[in-house]
């Protein structure tokens, strides 16, 4: 294993769980979150020689993750990967509380850009400026998307739609 690969493997081991949690909040599905993280780290690996010298990789990786999530919504169904017959077994996620289920269900129905802002601002606890940098937009856009996203989330939590 080369020094490059060792450095990447070390970064992946340290940060993949946090990125997976962020991806889950963006898409609302653990399997899709795994796919998003895999795509994100694949893109990072391909650019590793250029980006590893930066002082902080997390903002770059978050930006790639968010861009991958938003771009995935633009793809048609024919471009998505198809599951294989062989499954990788993982431990089940802990059972969420009813409030958490309600909140995650509502968050999943918030538009993608607003959801990205909400996750970065309130889950990742990024500043308005850092969120704007991660999304490649202005601070004003972050503020307006956060306000709209919170309004949408409040409405969805107050009036949940049954999935019957």
N, C-alpha and C. Protein backbone atom coordinates (compact mmCIF):
# COMPACT_ATOMS: atom_id res chain seq x y z
N UNK A 1 0.85 -1.17 0.00
CA UNK A 1 0.00 0.00 0.00
C UNK A 1 0.91 1.25 0.00
N UNK A 2 0.60 2.19 -0.88
CA UNK A 2 1.41 3.41 -0.97
C UNK A 2 1.04 4.38 0.14
N UNK A 3 1.89 5.39 0.33
CA UNK A 3 1.60 6.43 1.32
C UNK A 3 0.28 7.13 0.99
N UNK A 4 0.04 7.34 -0.30
CA UNK A 4 -1.19 7.98 -0.75
C UNK A 4 -2.40 7.17 -0.31
N UNK A 5 -2.35 5.86 -0.55
CA UNK A 5 -3.46 4.99 -0.18
C UNK A 5 -3.64 4.91 1.33
N UNK A 6 -2.55 4.88 2.06
CA UNK A 6 -2.63 4.83 3.52
C UNK A 6 -3.26 6.10 4.08
N UNK A 7 -2.87 7.25 3.53
CA UNK A 7 -3.44 8.52 3.99
C UNK A 7 -4.93 8.57 3.68
N UNK A 8 -5.31 8.11 2.49
CA UNK A 8 -6.72 8.10 2.13
C UNK A 8 -7.51 7.15 3.03
N UNK A 9 -6.97 5.94 3.25
CA UNK A 9 -7.65 4.96 4.10
C UNK A 9 -7.82 5.49 5.52
N UNK A 10 -6.83 6.20 6.01
CA UNK A 10 -6.91 6.79 7.35
C UNK A 10 -8.01 7.86 7.40
N UNK A 11 -8.06 8.70 6.39
CA UNK A 11 -9.10 9.74 6.35
C UNK A 11 -10.48 9.10 6.23
N UNK A 12 -10.60 8.10 5.37
CA UNK A 12 -11.88 7.40 5.19
C UNK A 12 -12.35 6.78 6.51
N UNK A 13 -11.45 6.10 7.20
CA UNK A 13 -11.81 5.46 8.47
C UNK A 13 -12.27 6.48 9.51
N UNK A 14 -11.64 7.64 9.50
CA UNK A 14 -11.96 8.67 10.49
C UNK A 14 -13.25 9.41 10.17
N UNK A 15 -13.60 9.59 8.91
CA UNK A 15 -14.68 10.50 8.55
C UNK A 15 -15.88 9.85 7.86
N UNK A 16 -15.80 8.61 7.45
CA UNK A 16 -16.90 8.03 6.68
C UNK A 16 -18.19 7.91 7.49
N UNK A 17 -18.11 7.62 8.77
CA UNK A 17 -19.33 7.50 9.58
C UNK A 17 -20.06 8.84 9.69
N UNK A 18 -19.31 9.90 9.90
CA UNK A 18 -19.94 11.23 9.98
C UNK A 18 -20.56 11.62 8.65
N UNK A 19 -19.88 11.31 7.56
CA UNK A 19 -20.43 11.63 6.24
C UNK A 19 -21.66 10.77 5.94
N UNK A 20 -21.66 9.53 6.42
CA UNK A 20 -22.81 8.65 6.23
C UNK A 20 -24.03 9.20 6.97
N UNK A 21 -23.81 9.71 8.18
CA UNK A 21 -24.92 10.31 8.94
C UNK A 21 -25.46 11.53 8.22
N UNK A 22 -24.58 12.36 7.69
CA UNK A 22 -25.02 13.53 6.93
C UNK A 22 -25.78 13.11 5.68
N UNK A 23 -25.26 12.12 4.99
CA UNK A 23 -25.94 11.62 3.77
C UNK A 23 -27.32 11.07 4.11
N UNK A 24 -27.44 10.37 5.24
CA UNK A 24 -28.75 9.85 5.64
C UNK A 24 -29.74 10.98 5.87
N UNK A 25 -29.28 12.04 6.52
CA UNK A 25 -30.18 13.17 6.75
C UNK A 25 -30.59 13.84 5.44
N UNK A 26 -29.72 13.81 4.46
CA UNK A 26 -30.05 14.39 3.16
C UNK A 26 -31.07 13.54 2.40
N UNK A 27 -30.87 12.22 2.39
CA UNK A 27 -31.71 11.38 1.54
C UNK A 27 -32.75 10.56 2.29
N UNK A 28 -32.57 10.35 3.61
CA UNK A 28 -33.56 9.63 4.39
C UNK A 28 -33.56 8.13 4.24
N UNK A 29 -32.52 7.57 3.64
CA UNK A 29 -32.46 6.13 3.42
C UNK A 29 -31.01 5.68 3.63
N UNK A 30 -30.80 4.69 4.50
CA UNK A 30 -29.44 4.26 4.81
C UNK A 30 -28.74 3.67 3.60
N UNK A 31 -29.46 2.98 2.74
CA UNK A 31 -28.82 2.38 1.56
C UNK A 31 -28.37 3.46 0.58
N UNK A 32 -29.24 4.41 0.35
CA UNK A 32 -28.85 5.54 -0.52
C UNK A 32 -27.72 6.34 0.11
N UNK A 33 -27.75 6.48 1.44
CA UNK A 33 -26.67 7.20 2.13
C UNK A 33 -25.34 6.50 1.91
N UNK A 34 -25.34 5.17 2.00
CA UNK A 34 -24.11 4.39 1.72
C UNK A 34 -23.63 4.67 0.30
N UNK A 35 -24.56 4.66 -0.66
CA UNK A 35 -24.19 4.91 -2.05
C UNK A 35 -23.62 6.31 -2.23
N UNK A 36 -24.25 7.30 -1.61
CA UNK A 36 -23.76 8.67 -1.71
C UNK A 36 -22.35 8.81 -1.13
N UNK A 37 -22.13 8.18 0.02
CA UNK A 37 -20.81 8.25 0.64
C UNK A 37 -19.78 7.53 -0.23
N UNK A 38 -20.17 6.39 -0.79
CA UNK A 38 -19.25 5.66 -1.66
C UNK A 38 -18.89 6.50 -2.89
N UNK A 39 -19.87 7.12 -3.51
CA UNK A 39 -19.60 7.97 -4.67
C UNK A 39 -18.73 9.16 -4.27
N UNK A 40 -19.02 9.75 -3.11
CA UNK A 40 -18.25 10.90 -2.64
C UNK A 40 -16.79 10.53 -2.42
N UNK A 41 -16.55 9.43 -1.72
CA UNK A 41 -15.17 9.03 -1.45
C UNK A 41 -14.46 8.53 -2.69
N UNK A 42 -15.19 7.99 -3.65
CA UNK A 42 -14.58 7.62 -4.93
C UNK A 42 -14.09 8.88 -5.64
N UNK A 43 -14.93 9.91 -5.67
CA UNK A 43 -14.52 11.18 -6.29
C UNK A 43 -13.34 11.78 -5.55
N UNK A 44 -13.36 11.70 -4.23
CA UNK A 44 -12.24 12.22 -3.43
C UNK A 44 -10.96 11.45 -3.74
N UNK A 45 -11.04 10.14 -3.82
CA UNK A 45 -9.84 9.33 -4.09
C UNK A 45 -9.22 9.70 -5.43
N UNK A 46 -10.07 9.92 -6.43
CA UNK A 46 -9.55 10.28 -7.75
C UNK A 46 -8.82 11.62 -7.75
N UNK A 47 -9.16 12.49 -6.81
CA UNK A 47 -8.55 13.81 -6.72
C UNK A 47 -7.63 13.94 -5.49
N UNK A 48 -7.32 12.83 -4.86
CA UNK A 48 -6.62 12.84 -3.58
C UNK A 48 -5.29 13.59 -3.63
N UNK A 49 -4.51 13.41 -4.68
CA UNK A 49 -3.21 14.09 -4.76
C UNK A 49 -3.35 15.60 -4.79
N UNK A 50 -4.45 16.08 -5.34
CA UNK A 50 -4.65 17.53 -5.42
C UNK A 50 -5.25 18.12 -4.16
N UNK A 51 -6.08 17.38 -3.46
CA UNK A 51 -6.80 17.97 -2.32
C UNK A 51 -6.24 17.61 -0.96
N UNK A 52 -5.41 16.58 -0.85
CA UNK A 52 -4.95 16.16 0.46
C UNK A 52 -4.04 17.19 1.13
N UNK A 53 -3.49 18.10 0.36
CA UNK A 53 -2.61 19.10 0.95
C UNK A 53 -3.37 20.23 1.64
N UNK A 54 -4.65 20.31 1.41
CA UNK A 54 -5.44 21.36 2.05
C UNK A 54 -5.51 21.12 3.54
N UNK A 55 -5.60 22.20 4.30
CA UNK A 55 -5.63 22.08 5.76
C UNK A 55 -6.85 21.31 6.24
N UNK A 56 -7.97 21.53 5.60
CA UNK A 56 -9.20 20.88 6.06
C UNK A 56 -9.92 20.24 4.88
N UNK A 57 -10.02 18.94 4.93
CA UNK A 57 -10.70 18.22 3.85
C UNK A 57 -12.21 18.17 4.05
N UNK A 58 -12.66 18.26 5.30
CA UNK A 58 -14.10 18.10 5.57
C UNK A 58 -14.99 19.03 4.76
N UNK A 59 -14.69 20.32 4.68
CA UNK A 59 -15.57 21.19 3.86
C UNK A 59 -15.62 20.75 2.39
N UNK A 60 -14.48 20.32 1.86
CA UNK A 60 -14.45 19.85 0.47
C UNK A 60 -15.30 18.59 0.31
N UNK A 61 -15.13 17.64 1.22
CA UNK A 61 -15.87 16.39 1.13
C UNK A 61 -17.37 16.64 1.31
N UNK A 62 -17.74 17.53 2.23
CA UNK A 62 -19.16 17.87 2.40
C UNK A 62 -19.73 18.45 1.12
N UNK A 63 -18.96 19.31 0.47
CA UNK A 63 -19.44 19.92 -0.78
C UNK A 63 -19.63 18.86 -1.86
N UNK A 64 -18.71 17.92 -1.96
CA UNK A 64 -18.84 16.84 -2.93
C UNK A 64 -20.06 15.99 -2.59
N UNK A 65 -20.27 15.70 -1.31
CA UNK A 65 -21.42 14.90 -0.88
C UNK A 65 -22.73 15.59 -1.25
N UNK A 66 -22.83 16.88 -0.95
CA UNK A 66 -24.06 17.62 -1.25
C UNK A 66 -24.28 17.70 -2.76
N UNK A 67 -23.23 17.97 -3.50
CA UNK A 67 -23.36 18.04 -4.97
C UNK A 67 -23.79 16.70 -5.54
N UNK A 68 -23.23 15.62 -5.00
CA UNK A 68 -23.61 14.29 -5.46
C UNK A 68 -25.07 14.02 -5.16
N UNK A 69 -25.52 14.40 -3.96
CA UNK A 69 -26.92 14.22 -3.59
C UNK A 69 -27.85 15.01 -4.51
N UNK A 70 -27.54 16.27 -4.74
CA UNK A 70 -28.39 17.11 -5.59
C UNK A 70 -28.37 16.62 -7.03
N UNK A 71 -27.19 16.24 -7.53
CA UNK A 71 -27.08 15.73 -8.89
C UNK A 71 -27.84 14.43 -9.08
N UNK A 72 -27.86 13.58 -8.03
CA UNK A 72 -28.57 12.31 -8.12
C UNK A 72 -30.06 12.52 -8.40
N UNK A 73 -30.62 13.58 -7.84
CA UNK A 73 -32.03 13.89 -8.07
C UNK A 73 -32.32 14.30 -9.50
N UNK A 74 -31.29 14.73 -10.21
CA UNK A 74 -31.45 15.15 -11.60
C UNK A 74 -31.36 13.98 -12.57
N UNK A 75 -30.78 12.87 -12.13
CA UNK A 75 -30.63 11.72 -13.01
C UNK A 75 -31.96 11.05 -13.24
N UNK A 76 -32.12 10.50 -14.40
CA UNK A 76 -33.30 9.67 -14.66
C UNK A 76 -33.12 8.31 -14.00
N UNK A 77 -34.18 7.58 -13.87
CA UNK A 77 -34.10 6.28 -13.20
C UNK A 77 -33.15 5.31 -13.91
N UNK A 78 -32.95 5.49 -15.21
CA UNK A 78 -32.12 4.57 -15.98
C UNK A 78 -30.63 4.72 -15.67
N UNK A 79 -30.22 5.84 -15.05
CA UNK A 79 -28.81 6.04 -14.76
C UNK A 79 -28.43 5.58 -13.36
N UNK A 80 -29.39 5.23 -12.55
CA UNK A 80 -29.08 4.79 -11.19
C UNK A 80 -28.59 3.35 -11.20
N UNK A 81 -27.81 3.02 -10.20
CA UNK A 81 -27.31 1.65 -10.09
C UNK A 81 -28.43 0.70 -9.71
N UNK A 82 -28.30 -0.53 -10.13
CA UNK A 82 -29.29 -1.55 -9.81
C UNK A 82 -28.70 -2.46 -8.73
N UNK A 83 -29.50 -2.87 -7.77
CA UNK A 83 -28.99 -3.77 -6.73
C UNK A 83 -28.61 -5.14 -7.31
N UNK A 84 -27.64 -5.77 -6.69
CA UNK A 84 -27.17 -7.08 -7.11
C UNK A 84 -27.82 -8.16 -6.26
N UNK A 85 -27.70 -9.37 -6.69
CA UNK A 85 -28.28 -10.48 -5.96
C UNK A 85 -27.57 -10.71 -4.63
N UNK A 86 -26.26 -10.50 -4.58
CA UNK A 86 -25.50 -10.71 -3.36
C UNK A 86 -25.65 -9.48 -2.47
N UNK A 87 -26.09 -9.70 -1.24
CA UNK A 87 -26.30 -8.59 -0.33
C UNK A 87 -25.19 -8.56 0.71
N UNK A 88 -24.83 -7.38 1.12
CA UNK A 88 -23.87 -7.21 2.20
C UNK A 88 -24.68 -7.00 3.47
N UNK A 89 -24.51 -7.89 4.42
CA UNK A 89 -25.27 -7.81 5.66
C UNK A 89 -24.59 -6.84 6.63
N UNK A 90 -25.37 -5.98 7.22
CA UNK A 90 -24.89 -5.02 8.21
C UNK A 90 -25.82 -5.09 9.42
N UNK A 91 -25.28 -4.64 10.54
CA UNK A 91 -26.11 -4.57 11.74
C UNK A 91 -27.24 -3.58 11.51
N UNK A 92 -28.39 -3.88 12.04
CA UNK A 92 -29.55 -3.01 11.87
C UNK A 92 -29.34 -1.71 12.65
N UNK A 93 -29.83 -0.63 12.10
CA UNK A 93 -29.77 0.66 12.80
C UNK A 93 -30.71 0.60 14.01
N UNK A 94 -30.38 1.32 15.06
CA UNK A 94 -31.27 1.32 16.23
C UNK A 94 -32.65 1.85 15.85
N UNK A 95 -33.67 1.35 16.53
CA UNK A 95 -35.03 1.78 16.28
C UNK A 95 -35.22 3.24 16.70
N UNK A 96 -35.62 4.08 15.78
CA UNK A 96 -35.82 5.50 16.13
C UNK A 96 -37.13 5.70 16.90
N UNK A 97 -37.17 6.78 17.66
CA UNK A 97 -38.39 7.12 18.38
C UNK A 97 -39.43 7.65 17.39
N UNK A 98 -40.68 7.72 17.83
CA UNK A 98 -41.75 8.22 16.95
C UNK A 98 -41.47 9.65 16.49
N UNK A 99 -40.99 10.50 17.40
CA UNK A 99 -40.68 11.89 17.02
C UNK A 99 -39.60 11.93 15.96
N UNK A 100 -38.59 11.09 16.13
CA UNK A 100 -37.49 11.06 15.16
C UNK A 100 -38.00 10.57 13.81
N UNK A 101 -38.85 9.56 13.81
CA UNK A 101 -39.42 9.04 12.57
C UNK A 101 -40.22 10.14 11.86
N UNK A 102 -41.03 10.84 12.63
CA UNK A 102 -41.84 11.93 12.07
C UNK A 102 -40.94 13.01 11.47
N UNK A 103 -39.92 13.40 12.23
CA UNK A 103 -39.01 14.46 11.76
C UNK A 103 -38.23 14.02 10.53
N UNK A 104 -37.71 12.79 10.53
CA UNK A 104 -36.96 12.31 9.37
C UNK A 104 -37.85 12.17 8.15
N UNK A 105 -39.08 11.73 8.36
CA UNK A 105 -40.03 11.63 7.23
C UNK A 105 -40.34 12.99 6.64
N UNK A 106 -40.52 13.98 7.52
CA UNK A 106 -40.78 15.34 7.04
C UNK A 106 -39.54 15.90 6.34
N UNK A 107 -38.37 15.67 6.92
CA UNK A 107 -37.12 16.17 6.32
C UNK A 107 -36.92 15.58 4.92
N UNK A 108 -37.30 14.33 4.74
CA UNK A 108 -37.15 13.69 3.44
C UNK A 108 -38.02 14.34 2.36
N UNK A 109 -39.08 15.03 2.77
CA UNK A 109 -39.98 15.67 1.80
C UNK A 109 -39.66 17.14 1.57
N UNK A 110 -38.68 17.67 2.28
CA UNK A 110 -38.23 19.05 2.05
C UNK A 110 -37.41 19.04 0.76
N UNK A 111 -37.56 20.06 -0.11
CA UNK A 111 -36.78 20.10 -1.35
C UNK A 111 -35.27 19.97 -1.09
N UNK A 112 -34.57 19.37 -2.04
CA UNK A 112 -33.17 18.98 -1.86
C UNK A 112 -32.26 20.13 -1.41
N UNK A 113 -32.30 21.28 -2.06
CA UNK A 113 -31.41 22.39 -1.68
C UNK A 113 -31.73 22.89 -0.27
N UNK A 114 -33.02 23.00 0.06
CA UNK A 114 -33.41 23.43 1.40
C UNK A 114 -32.97 22.40 2.42
N UNK A 115 -33.13 21.13 2.10
CA UNK A 115 -32.72 20.06 3.01
C UNK A 115 -31.21 20.11 3.23
N UNK A 116 -30.45 20.35 2.17
CA UNK A 116 -29.00 20.46 2.30
C UNK A 116 -28.62 21.59 3.25
N UNK A 117 -29.29 22.73 3.10
CA UNK A 117 -29.03 23.87 3.99
C UNK A 117 -29.38 23.51 5.44
N UNK A 118 -30.53 22.89 5.65
CA UNK A 118 -30.94 22.52 7.01
C UNK A 118 -29.96 21.55 7.65
N UNK A 119 -29.52 20.56 6.88
CA UNK A 119 -28.59 19.58 7.44
C UNK A 119 -27.26 20.24 7.78
N UNK A 120 -26.74 21.06 6.88
CA UNK A 120 -25.45 21.71 7.15
C UNK A 120 -25.53 22.71 8.29
N UNK A 121 -26.59 23.50 8.32
CA UNK A 121 -26.71 24.54 9.35
C UNK A 121 -27.03 23.97 10.72
N UNK A 122 -27.97 23.03 10.78
CA UNK A 122 -28.50 22.62 12.09
C UNK A 122 -28.03 21.24 12.54
N UNK A 123 -27.57 20.40 11.64
CA UNK A 123 -27.03 19.10 12.05
C UNK A 123 -25.51 19.19 12.13
N UNK A 124 -24.89 19.73 11.07
CA UNK A 124 -23.44 19.88 11.05
C UNK A 124 -22.99 21.12 11.83
N UNK A 125 -23.93 21.99 12.17
CA UNK A 125 -23.66 23.21 12.94
C UNK A 125 -22.65 24.13 12.25
N UNK A 126 -22.79 24.24 10.92
CA UNK A 126 -21.92 25.14 10.17
C UNK A 126 -22.48 26.55 10.22
N UNK A 127 -21.61 27.51 10.10
CA UNK A 127 -22.05 28.90 10.03
C UNK A 127 -22.71 29.16 8.68
N UNK A 128 -23.36 30.31 8.57
CA UNK A 128 -23.98 30.69 7.29
C UNK A 128 -22.92 30.74 6.20
N UNK A 129 -21.77 31.32 6.52
CA UNK A 129 -20.69 31.46 5.53
C UNK A 129 -20.13 30.11 5.11
N UNK A 130 -19.92 29.21 6.08
CA UNK A 130 -19.40 27.88 5.75
C UNK A 130 -20.41 27.08 4.94
N UNK A 131 -21.68 27.23 5.26
CA UNK A 131 -22.72 26.55 4.49
C UNK A 131 -22.75 27.09 3.07
N UNK A 132 -22.65 28.40 2.92
CA UNK A 132 -22.62 29.00 1.59
C UNK A 132 -21.43 28.49 0.79
N UNK A 133 -20.27 28.38 1.44
CA UNK A 133 -19.08 27.86 0.75
C UNK A 133 -19.28 26.40 0.34
N UNK A 134 -19.89 25.60 1.22
CA UNK A 134 -20.11 24.19 0.91
C UNK A 134 -21.07 24.01 -0.25
N UNK A 135 -22.04 24.90 -0.37
CA UNK A 135 -23.05 24.79 -1.42
C UNK A 135 -22.72 25.62 -2.66
N UNK A 136 -21.70 26.46 -2.55
CA UNK A 136 -21.34 27.30 -3.69
C UNK A 136 -22.38 28.37 -3.99
N UNK A 137 -22.91 28.99 -2.95
CA UNK A 137 -23.92 30.03 -3.11
C UNK A 137 -23.64 31.17 -2.14
N UNK A 138 -24.46 32.20 -2.15
CA UNK A 138 -24.26 33.35 -1.28
C UNK A 138 -24.83 33.09 0.11
N UNK A 139 -24.39 33.89 1.07
CA UNK A 139 -24.92 33.80 2.44
C UNK A 139 -26.41 34.12 2.45
N UNK A 140 -26.85 35.06 1.63
CA UNK A 140 -28.27 35.41 1.54
C UNK A 140 -29.10 34.24 1.07
N UNK A 141 -28.57 33.47 0.11
CA UNK A 141 -29.28 32.29 -0.37
C UNK A 141 -29.41 31.26 0.74
N UNK A 142 -28.36 31.08 1.52
CA UNK A 142 -28.41 30.14 2.65
C UNK A 142 -29.49 30.57 3.63
N UNK A 143 -29.53 31.85 3.96
CA UNK A 143 -30.53 32.34 4.91
C UNK A 143 -31.95 32.14 4.39
N UNK A 144 -32.17 32.46 3.12
CA UNK A 144 -33.53 32.31 2.57
C UNK A 144 -33.92 30.84 2.44
N UNK A 145 -32.96 29.99 2.02
CA UNK A 145 -33.25 28.56 1.91
C UNK A 145 -33.49 27.95 3.29
N UNK A 146 -32.77 28.41 4.30
CA UNK A 146 -32.98 27.92 5.67
C UNK A 146 -34.37 28.32 6.16
N UNK A 147 -34.75 29.57 5.92
CA UNK A 147 -36.07 30.03 6.36
C UNK A 147 -37.18 29.26 5.67
N UNK A 148 -37.06 29.09 4.35
CA UNK A 148 -38.07 28.33 3.61
C UNK A 148 -38.09 26.86 4.03
N UNK A 149 -36.91 26.30 4.22
CA UNK A 149 -36.83 24.91 4.63
C UNK A 149 -37.44 24.68 6.00
N UNK A 150 -37.18 25.59 6.95
CA UNK A 150 -37.77 25.47 8.28
C UNK A 150 -39.28 25.62 8.22
N UNK A 151 -39.77 26.55 7.41
CA UNK A 151 -41.22 26.71 7.23
C UNK A 151 -41.84 25.43 6.68
N UNK A 152 -41.20 24.88 5.65
CA UNK A 152 -41.70 23.64 5.05
C UNK A 152 -41.68 22.51 6.07
N UNK A 153 -40.58 22.40 6.80
CA UNK A 153 -40.45 21.34 7.81
C UNK A 153 -41.50 21.47 8.90
N UNK A 154 -41.72 22.69 9.37
CA UNK A 154 -42.75 22.92 10.40
C UNK A 154 -44.14 22.50 9.89
N UNK A 155 -44.44 22.86 8.66
CA UNK A 155 -45.73 22.51 8.07
C UNK A 155 -45.88 20.99 7.95
N UNK A 156 -44.82 20.33 7.50
CA UNK A 156 -44.88 18.89 7.31
C UNK A 156 -44.97 18.14 8.64
N UNK A 157 -44.33 18.66 9.67
CA UNK A 157 -44.40 18.03 10.99
C UNK A 157 -45.78 18.26 11.61
N UNK A 158 -46.32 19.46 11.41
CA UNK A 158 -47.63 19.79 11.98
C UNK A 158 -48.76 19.03 11.29
N UNK A 159 -48.60 18.76 10.00
CA UNK A 159 -49.62 18.07 9.21
C UNK A 159 -49.01 16.90 8.46
N UNK A 160 -48.64 15.84 9.18
CA UNK A 160 -48.00 14.70 8.52
C UNK A 160 -48.94 14.00 7.56
N UNK A 161 -48.37 13.47 6.51
CA UNK A 161 -49.11 12.71 5.51
C UNK A 161 -48.94 11.24 5.84
N UNK A 162 -50.03 10.51 5.96
CA UNK A 162 -49.95 9.08 6.23
C UNK A 162 -49.50 8.36 4.99
N UNK A 163 -48.65 7.35 5.18
CA UNK A 163 -48.13 6.58 4.06
C UNK A 163 -48.92 5.29 3.86
N UNK A 164 -50.22 5.33 4.10
CA UNK A 164 -51.05 4.12 3.98
C UNK A 164 -51.31 3.74 2.56
